[in-house]
């Protein structure tokens, strides 16, 4: 007697977006799947690259200081040129999902949960020690492939901030402007802006008192 073959029960899908989906979804991920199935978070960055979900914890407090100050200053200058600046927004590039530290857009992203990368005029990354290769090599290459006209990098090595702006020329980013702490970083494109990189960091935290046990 032939026996009927029974297909395995599909894994239950959560009723609402949940990180539980990472345990049972075994097909390649896309930006849209991540936006549909994963919850919004103010914690770790959740990005999609080449079909995989990449989760990155928050960087150090110096990184957060720059991410607080620089987008604010950039936005004030960018608005005069009709552009908009946002920290850590969802950018969709084909099937990939990026969350750059800084994004300068051609139009407002108000009311949206994600923006197509074609709206980006400039993308910026604040280099973290644990993600140096990603911020210095991988992301510029990926943004260049997507055709983003300008790339901004902020490097905090040894707490001496340095900034560098690159312009996309024939598929590669070429240096346009650079400055380190104590000098003035000046850019003319895609809008006029200047800052001493030293002004982006908070004062160093005081040393903690040793615990004497008293």
C-alpha atoms as a PDB file:
ATOM      1  CA  UNK A   1       0.000   0.000   0.000  1.00  0.00           C
ATOM      2  CA  UNK A   2       1.358   3.404  -0.970  1.00  0.00           C
ATOM      3  CA  UNK A   3       1.738   5.857   1.841  1.00  0.00           C
ATOM      4  CA  UNK A   4       0.921   9.519   1.350  1.00  0.00           C
ATOM      5  CA  UNK A   5       3.858  11.865   1.747  1.00  0.00           C
ATOM      6  CA  UNK A   6       3.300  14.683   4.178  1.00  0.00           C
ATOM      7  CA  UNK A   7       5.089  17.986   3.702  1.00  0.00           C
ATOM      8  CA  UNK A   8       6.592  19.467   6.862  1.00  0.00           C
ATOM      9  CA  UNK A   9       4.581  22.170   8.579  1.00  0.00           C
ATOM     10  CA  UNK A  10       5.787  25.635   7.525  1.00  0.00           C
ATOM     11  CA  UNK A  11       7.282  27.679  10.308  1.00  0.00           C
ATOM     12  CA  UNK A  12       4.676  29.983  11.859  1.00  0.00           C
ATOM     13  CA  UNK A  13       5.054  33.590  10.865  1.00  0.00           C
ATOM     14  CA  UNK A  14       4.735  36.170  13.651  1.00  0.00           C
ATOM     15  CA  UNK A  15       1.594  38.300  13.528  1.00  0.00           C
ATOM     16  CA  UNK A  16       3.675  41.455  13.837  1.00  0.00           C
ATOM     17  CA  UNK A  17       7.246  42.298  12.798  1.00  0.00           C
ATOM     18  CA  UNK A  18       9.627  40.399  15.070  1.00  0.00           C
ATOM     19  CA  UNK A  19      13.283  39.421  15.231  1.00  0.00           C
ATOM     20  CA  UNK A  20      12.045  35.825  15.699  1.00  0.00           C
ATOM     21  CA  UNK A  21      11.808  35.688  11.906  1.00  0.00           C
ATOM     22  CA  UNK A  22      15.612  35.525  11.770  1.00  0.00           C
ATOM     23  CA  UNK A  23      15.396  31.990  13.205  1.00  0.00           C
ATOM     24  CA  UNK A  24      13.128  30.470  10.578  1.00  0.00           C
ATOM     25  CA  UNK A  25      13.518  32.533   7.393  1.00  0.00           C
ATOM     26  CA  UNK A  26      16.162  30.633   5.396  1.00  0.00           C
ATOM     27  CA  UNK A  27      15.710  32.259   1.977  1.00  0.00           C
ATOM     28  CA  UNK A  28      17.910  35.148   0.799  1.00  0.00           C
ATOM     29  CA  UNK A  29      16.928  38.425   2.398  1.00  0.00           C
ATOM     30  CA  UNK A  30      16.011  41.577   0.492  1.00  0.00           C
ATOM     31  CA  UNK A  31      15.574  45.156   1.644  1.00  0.00           C
ATOM     32  CA  UNK A  32      11.805  44.872   1.268  1.00  0.00           C
ATOM     33  CA  UNK A  33      11.626  41.653   3.304  1.00  0.00           C
ATOM     34  CA  UNK A  34      13.588  43.276   6.109  1.00  0.00           C
ATOM     35  CA  UNK A  35      11.332  46.333   6.099  1.00  0.00           C
ATOM     36  CA  UNK A  36       8.224  44.123   6.084  1.00  0.00           C
ATOM     37  CA  UNK A  37       9.240  41.416   8.577  1.00  0.00           C
ATOM     38  CA  UNK A  38      11.677  43.004  11.033  1.00  0.00           C
ATOM     39  CA  UNK A  39      10.614  45.528  13.688  1.00  0.00           C
ATOM     40  CA  UNK A  40      11.764  49.112  13.731  1.00  0.00           C
ATOM     41  CA  UNK A  41      14.545  49.629  16.249  1.00  0.00           C
ATOM     42  CA  UNK A  42      16.464  52.456  17.887  1.00  0.00           C
ATOM     43  CA  UNK A  43      19.123  49.935  18.880  1.00  0.00           C
ATOM     44  CA  UNK A  44      21.484  48.037  16.582  1.00  0.00           C
ATOM     45  CA  UNK A  45      21.611  48.790  12.867  1.00  0.00           C
ATOM     46  CA  UNK A  46      19.886  46.075  10.833  1.00  0.00           C
ATOM     47  CA  UNK A  47      21.021  46.107   7.203  1.00  0.00           C
ATOM     48  CA  UNK A  48      20.799  43.724   4.231  1.00  0.00           C
ATOM     49  CA  UNK A  49      23.737  42.992   1.954  1.00  0.00           C
ATOM     50  CA  UNK A  50      23.904  40.298  -0.737  1.00  0.00           C
ATOM     51  CA  UNK A  51      20.966  38.378   0.735  1.00  0.00           C
ATOM     52  CA  UNK A  52      22.166  38.390   4.349  1.00  0.00           C
ATOM     53  CA  UNK A  53      20.967  40.357   7.359  1.00  0.00           C
ATOM     54  CA  UNK A  54      23.786  42.260   9.084  1.00  0.00           C
ATOM     55  CA  UNK A  55      23.248  43.441  12.674  1.00  0.00           C
ATOM     56  CA  UNK A  56      25.688  46.017  14.038  1.00  0.00           C
ATOM     57  CA  UNK A  57      25.666  47.236  17.681  1.00  0.00           C
ATOM     58  CA  UNK A  58      26.005  50.903  18.541  1.00  0.00           C
ATOM     59  CA  UNK A  59      29.523  52.263  18.256  1.00  0.00           C
ATOM     60  CA  UNK A  60      31.344  54.145  21.022  1.00  0.00           C
ATOM     61  CA  UNK A  61      30.221  57.440  22.505  1.00  0.00           C
ATOM     62  CA  UNK A  62      32.637  59.495  20.379  1.00  0.00           C
ATOM     63  CA  UNK A  63      30.814  58.091  17.321  1.00  0.00           C
ATOM     64  CA  UNK A  64      27.485  59.127  18.843  1.00  0.00           C
ATOM     65  CA  UNK A  65      28.800  62.626  19.603  1.00  0.00           C
ATOM     66  CA  UNK A  66      29.725  63.182  15.962  1.00  0.00           C
ATOM     67  CA  UNK A  67      26.448  61.666  14.819  1.00  0.00           C
ATOM     68  CA  UNK A  68      24.623  64.152  17.046  1.00  0.00           C
ATOM     69  CA  UNK A  69      26.561  67.264  16.011  1.00  0.00           C
ATOM     70  CA  UNK A  70      27.469  66.808  12.350  1.00  0.00           C
ATOM     71  CA  UNK A  71      24.030  66.040  10.829  1.00  0.00           C
ATOM     72  CA  UNK A  72      22.586  69.029  12.713  1.00  0.00           C
ATOM     73  CA  UNK A  73      25.237  71.392  11.366  1.00  0.00           C
ATOM     74  CA  UNK A  74      25.072  69.900   7.876  1.00  0.00           C
ATOM     75  CA  UNK A  75      21.278  70.152   7.777  1.00  0.00           C
ATOM     76  CA  UNK A  76      21.313  73.874   8.524  1.00  0.00           C
ATOM     77  CA  UNK A  77      23.704  74.450   5.608  1.00  0.00           C
ATOM     78  CA  UNK A  78      21.992  71.960   3.285  1.00  0.00           C
ATOM     79  CA  UNK A  79      18.544  73.542   3.637  1.00  0.00           C
ATOM     80  CA  UNK A  80      19.890  76.721   2.071  1.00  0.00           C
ATOM     81  CA  UNK A  81      20.653  74.619  -1.010  1.00  0.00           C
ATOM     82  CA  UNK A  82      17.248  72.892  -0.952  1.00  0.00           C
ATOM     83  CA  UNK A  83      18.669  69.601   0.408  1.00  0.00           C
ATOM     84  CA  UNK A  84      17.800  67.527   3.482  1.00  0.00           C
ATOM     85  CA  UNK A  85      20.114  65.781   5.968  1.00  0.00           C
ATOM     86  CA  UNK A  86      19.253  62.763   8.146  1.00  0.00           C
ATOM     87  CA  UNK A  87      21.240  60.480  10.475  1.00  0.00           C
ATOM     88  CA  UNK A  88      20.818  56.692  10.147  1.00  0.00           C
ATOM     89  CA  UNK A  89      17.895  56.335   7.727  1.00  0.00           C
ATOM     90  CA  UNK A  90      16.885  53.228   5.753  1.00  0.00           C
ATOM     91  CA  UNK A  91      18.224  53.440   2.195  1.00  0.00           C
ATOM     92  CA  UNK A  92      17.115  50.838  -0.349  1.00  0.00           C
ATOM     93  CA  UNK A  93      19.593  49.970  -3.105  1.00  0.00           C
ATOM     94  CA  UNK A  94      18.073  47.220  -5.244  1.00  0.00           C
ATOM     95  CA  UNK A  95      17.755  44.248  -2.867  1.00  0.00           C
ATOM     96  CA  UNK A  96      20.180  45.748  -0.343  1.00  0.00           C
ATOM     97  CA  UNK A  97      19.309  47.883   2.667  1.00  0.00           C
ATOM     98  CA  UNK A  98      21.885  50.373   3.957  1.00  0.00           C
ATOM     99  CA  UNK A  99      21.775  52.585   7.027  1.00  0.00           C
ATOM    100  CA  UNK A 100      24.504  55.203   6.527  1.00  0.00           C
ATOM    101  CA  UNK A 101      25.506  57.370   9.459  1.00  0.00           C
ATOM    102  CA  UNK A 102      24.622  60.500   7.441  1.00  0.00           C
ATOM    103  CA  UNK A 103      22.457  60.942   4.347  1.00  0.00           C
ATOM    104  CA  UNK A 104      21.938  64.100   2.303  1.00  0.00           C
ATOM    105  CA  UNK A 105      18.792  63.798   0.173  1.00  0.00           C
ATOM    106  CA  UNK A 106      17.365  65.725  -2.754  1.00  0.00           C
ATOM    107  CA  UNK A 107      13.941  65.862  -1.107  1.00  0.00           C
ATOM    108  CA  UNK A 108      12.401  65.456   2.323  1.00  0.00           C
ATOM    109  CA  UNK A 109      11.993  61.946   3.692  1.00  0.00           C
ATOM    110  CA  UNK A 110       9.173  63.007   5.996  1.00  0.00           C
ATOM    111  CA  UNK A 111       6.511  60.334   6.481  1.00  0.00           C
ATOM    112  CA  UNK A 112       8.617  57.580   4.889  1.00  0.00           C
ATOM    113  CA  UNK A 113      10.201  54.521   6.512  1.00  0.00           C
ATOM    114  CA  UNK A 114      12.774  54.069   3.722  1.00  0.00           C
ATOM    115  CA  UNK A 115      14.191  56.034   0.787  1.00  0.00           C
ATOM    116  CA  UNK A 116      15.602  54.878  -2.539  1.00  0.00           C
ATOM    117  CA  UNK A 117      19.342  55.426  -2.705  1.00  0.00           C
ATOM    118  CA  UNK A 118      18.860  57.379  -5.956  1.00  0.00           C
ATOM    119  CA  UNK A 119      17.578  60.237  -3.787  1.00  0.00           C
ATOM    120  CA  UNK A 120      20.943  60.491  -2.032  1.00  0.00           C
ATOM    121  CA  UNK A 121      23.313  63.298  -3.024  1.00  0.00           C
ATOM    122  CA  UNK A 122      25.874  62.496  -0.324  1.00  0.00           C
ATOM    123  CA  UNK A 123      26.314  59.613   2.102  1.00  0.00           C
ATOM    124  CA  UNK A 124      28.622  59.714   5.088  1.00  0.00           C
ATOM    125  CA  UNK A 125      30.185  57.190   7.435  1.00  0.00           C
ATOM    126  CA  UNK A 126      31.820  57.766  10.825  1.00  0.00           C
ATOM    127  CA  UNK A 127      34.647  55.255  11.035  1.00  0.00           C
ATOM    128  CA  UNK A 128      34.376  52.871  13.985  1.00  0.00           C
ATOM    129  CA  UNK A 129      37.409  50.827  15.129  1.00  0.00           C
ATOM    130  CA  UNK A 130      35.438  47.586  14.918  1.00  0.00           C
ATOM    131  CA  UNK A 131      34.073  48.343  11.436  1.00  0.00           C
ATOM    132  CA  UNK A 132      37.040  50.086   9.844  1.00  0.00           C
ATOM    133  CA  UNK A 133      37.084  47.968   6.677  1.00  0.00           C
ATOM    134  CA  UNK A 134      33.339  48.463   6.168  1.00  0.00           C
ATOM    135  CA  UNK A 135      33.463  52.251   6.632  1.00  0.00           C
ATOM    136  CA  UNK A 136      36.688  52.878   4.688  1.00  0.00           C
ATOM    137  CA  UNK A 137      36.528  50.313   1.873  1.00  0.00           C
ATOM    138  CA  UNK A 138      33.241  48.420   1.563  1.00  0.00           C
ATOM    139  CA  UNK A 139      30.649  51.172   1.934  1.00  0.00           C
ATOM    140  CA  UNK A 140      32.343  53.683  -0.385  1.00  0.00           C
ATOM    141  CA  UNK A 141      32.534  50.964  -3.043  1.00  0.00           C
ATOM    142  CA  UNK A 142      28.877  50.044  -2.605  1.00  0.00           C
ATOM    143  CA  UNK A 143      27.738  53.674  -2.650  1.00  0.00           C
ATOM    144  CA  UNK A 144      29.827  54.337  -5.753  1.00  0.00           C
ATOM    145  CA  UNK A 145      28.245  51.355  -7.510  1.00  0.00           C
ATOM    146  CA  UNK A 146      24.843  52.853  -6.683  1.00  0.00           C
ATOM    147  CA  UNK A 147      25.887  56.167  -8.246  1.00  0.00           C
ATOM    148  CA  UNK A 148      25.835  58.368  -5.127  1.00  0.00           C
ATOM    149  CA  UNK A 149      27.618  61.591  -6.218  1.00  0.00           C
ATOM    150  CA  UNK A 150      29.498  62.359  -2.969  1.00  0.00           C
ATOM    151  CA  UNK A 151      30.901  60.396  -0.018  1.00  0.00           C
ATOM    152  CA  UNK A 152      31.942  61.886   3.326  1.00  0.00           C
ATOM    153  CA  UNK A 153      34.152  60.064   5.825  1.00  0.00           C
ATOM    154  CA  UNK A 154      34.823  61.087   9.424  1.00  0.00           C
ATOM    155  CA  UNK A 155      37.719  59.298  11.110  1.00  0.00           C
ATOM    156  CA  UNK A 156      38.080  59.463  14.902  1.00  0.00           C
ATOM    157  CA  UNK A 157      41.368  57.620  15.301  1.00  0.00           C
ATOM    158  CA  UNK A 158      43.109  58.553  18.596  1.00  0.00           C
ATOM    159  CA  UNK A 159      40.319  61.091  19.239  1.00  0.00           C
ATOM    160  CA  UNK A 160      41.779  63.413  16.571  1.00  0.00           C
ATOM    161  CA  UNK A 161      38.815  63.839  14.198  1.00  0.00           C
ATOM    162  CA  UNK A 162      39.530  64.145  10.491  1.00  0.00           C
ATOM    163  CA  UNK A 163      37.058  64.637   7.647  1.00  0.00           C
ATOM    164  CA  UNK A 164      37.394  63.853   3.956  1.00  0.00           C
ATOM    165  CA  UNK A 165      34.969  64.481   1.097  1.00  0.00           C
ATOM    166  CA  UNK A 166      35.057  62.461  -2.129  1.00  0.00           C
ATOM    167  CA  UNK A 167      33.349  63.015  -5.474  1.00  0.00           C
ATOM    168  CA  UNK A 168      32.230  60.222  -7.802  1.00  0.00           C
ATOM    169  CA  UNK A 169      34.213  60.404 -11.053  1.00  0.00           C
ATOM    170  CA  UNK A 170      33.860  57.628 -13.635  1.00  0.00           C
ATOM    171  CA  UNK A 171      32.658  55.164 -11.039  1.00  0.00           C
ATOM    172  CA  UNK A 172      35.278  55.909  -8.365  1.00  0.00           C
ATOM    173  CA  UNK A 173      35.438  58.350  -5.466  1.00  0.00           C
ATOM    174  CA  UNK A 174      38.246  60.889  -5.804  1.00  0.00           C
ATOM    175  CA  UNK A 175      39.310  63.186  -2.922  1.00  0.00           C
ATOM    176  CA  UNK A 176      37.821  66.672  -3.023  1.00  0.00           C
ATOM    177  CA  UNK A 177      38.490  68.185   0.414  1.00  0.00           C
ATOM    178  CA  UNK A 178      40.033  67.122   3.718  1.00  0.00           C
ATOM    179  CA  UNK A 179      40.989  68.533   7.123  1.00  0.00           C
ATOM    180  CA  UNK A 180      41.957  67.340  10.600  1.00  0.00           C
ATOM    181  CA  UNK A 181      41.168  68.704  14.062  1.00  0.00           C
ATOM    182  CA  UNK A 182      42.511  72.199  14.606  1.00  0.00           C
ATOM    183  CA  UNK A 183      41.998  73.218  10.970  1.00  0.00           C
ATOM    184  CA  UNK A 184      38.869  74.020   8.982  1.00  0.00           C
ATOM    185  CA  UNK A 185      37.158  71.494   6.765  1.00  0.00           C
ATOM    186  CA  UNK A 186      35.638  73.397   3.823  1.00  0.00           C
ATOM    187  CA  UNK A 187      33.429  71.951   1.121  1.00  0.00           C
ATOM    188  CA  UNK A 188      31.785  73.725  -1.796  1.00  0.00           C
ATOM    189  CA  UNK A 189      29.803  70.783  -3.194  1.00  0.00           C
ATOM    190  CA  UNK A 190      27.078  69.626  -3.019  1.00  0.00           C
ATOM    191  CA  UNK A 191      26.567  72.721  -0.827  1.00  0.00           C
ATOM    192  CA  UNK A 192      28.793  75.128   1.080  1.00  0.00           C
ATOM    193  CA  UNK A 193      29.772  74.007   4.563  1.00  0.00           C
ATOM    194  CA  UNK A 194      32.709  74.424   6.933  1.00  0.00           C
ATOM    195  CA  UNK A 195      33.617  73.135  10.394  1.00  0.00           C
ATOM    196  CA  UNK A 196      36.636  72.427  12.563  1.00  0.00           C
ATOM    197  CA  UNK A 197      36.432  68.620  13.062  1.00  0.00           C
ATOM    198  CA  UNK A 198      37.593  69.129  16.671  1.00  0.00           C
ATOM    199  CA  UNK A 199      34.237  70.772  17.441  1.00  0.00           C
ATOM    200  CA  UNK A 200      32.397  67.506  16.762  1.00  0.00           C
ATOM    201  CA  UNK A 201      33.725  65.622  19.804  1.00  0.00           C
ATOM    202  CA  UNK A 202      32.670  66.030  23.419  1.00  0.00           C
ATOM    203  CA  UNK A 203      35.282  66.561  26.111  1.00  0.00           C
ATOM    204  CA  UNK A 204      36.983  63.373  27.244  1.00  0.00           C
ATOM    205  CA  UNK A 205      35.204  61.698  30.141  1.00  0.00           C
ATOM    206  CA  UNK A 206      36.960  62.071  33.519  1.00  0.00           C
ATOM    207  CA  UNK A 207      38.794  59.034  34.826  1.00  0.00           C
ATOM    208  CA  UNK A 208      36.706  56.903  37.157  1.00  0.00           C
ATOM    209  CA  UNK A 209      37.609  56.929  40.825  1.00  0.00           C
ATOM    210  CA  UNK A 210      39.013  53.566  41.977  1.00  0.00           C
ATOM    211  CA  UNK A 211      36.653  51.561  44.172  1.00  0.00           C
ATOM    212  CA  UNK A 212      38.340  51.338  47.579  1.00  0.00           C
ATOM    213  CA  UNK A 213      35.574  49.174  49.033  1.00  0.00           C
ATOM    214  CA  UNK A 214      34.952  51.569  51.903  1.00  0.00           C
END
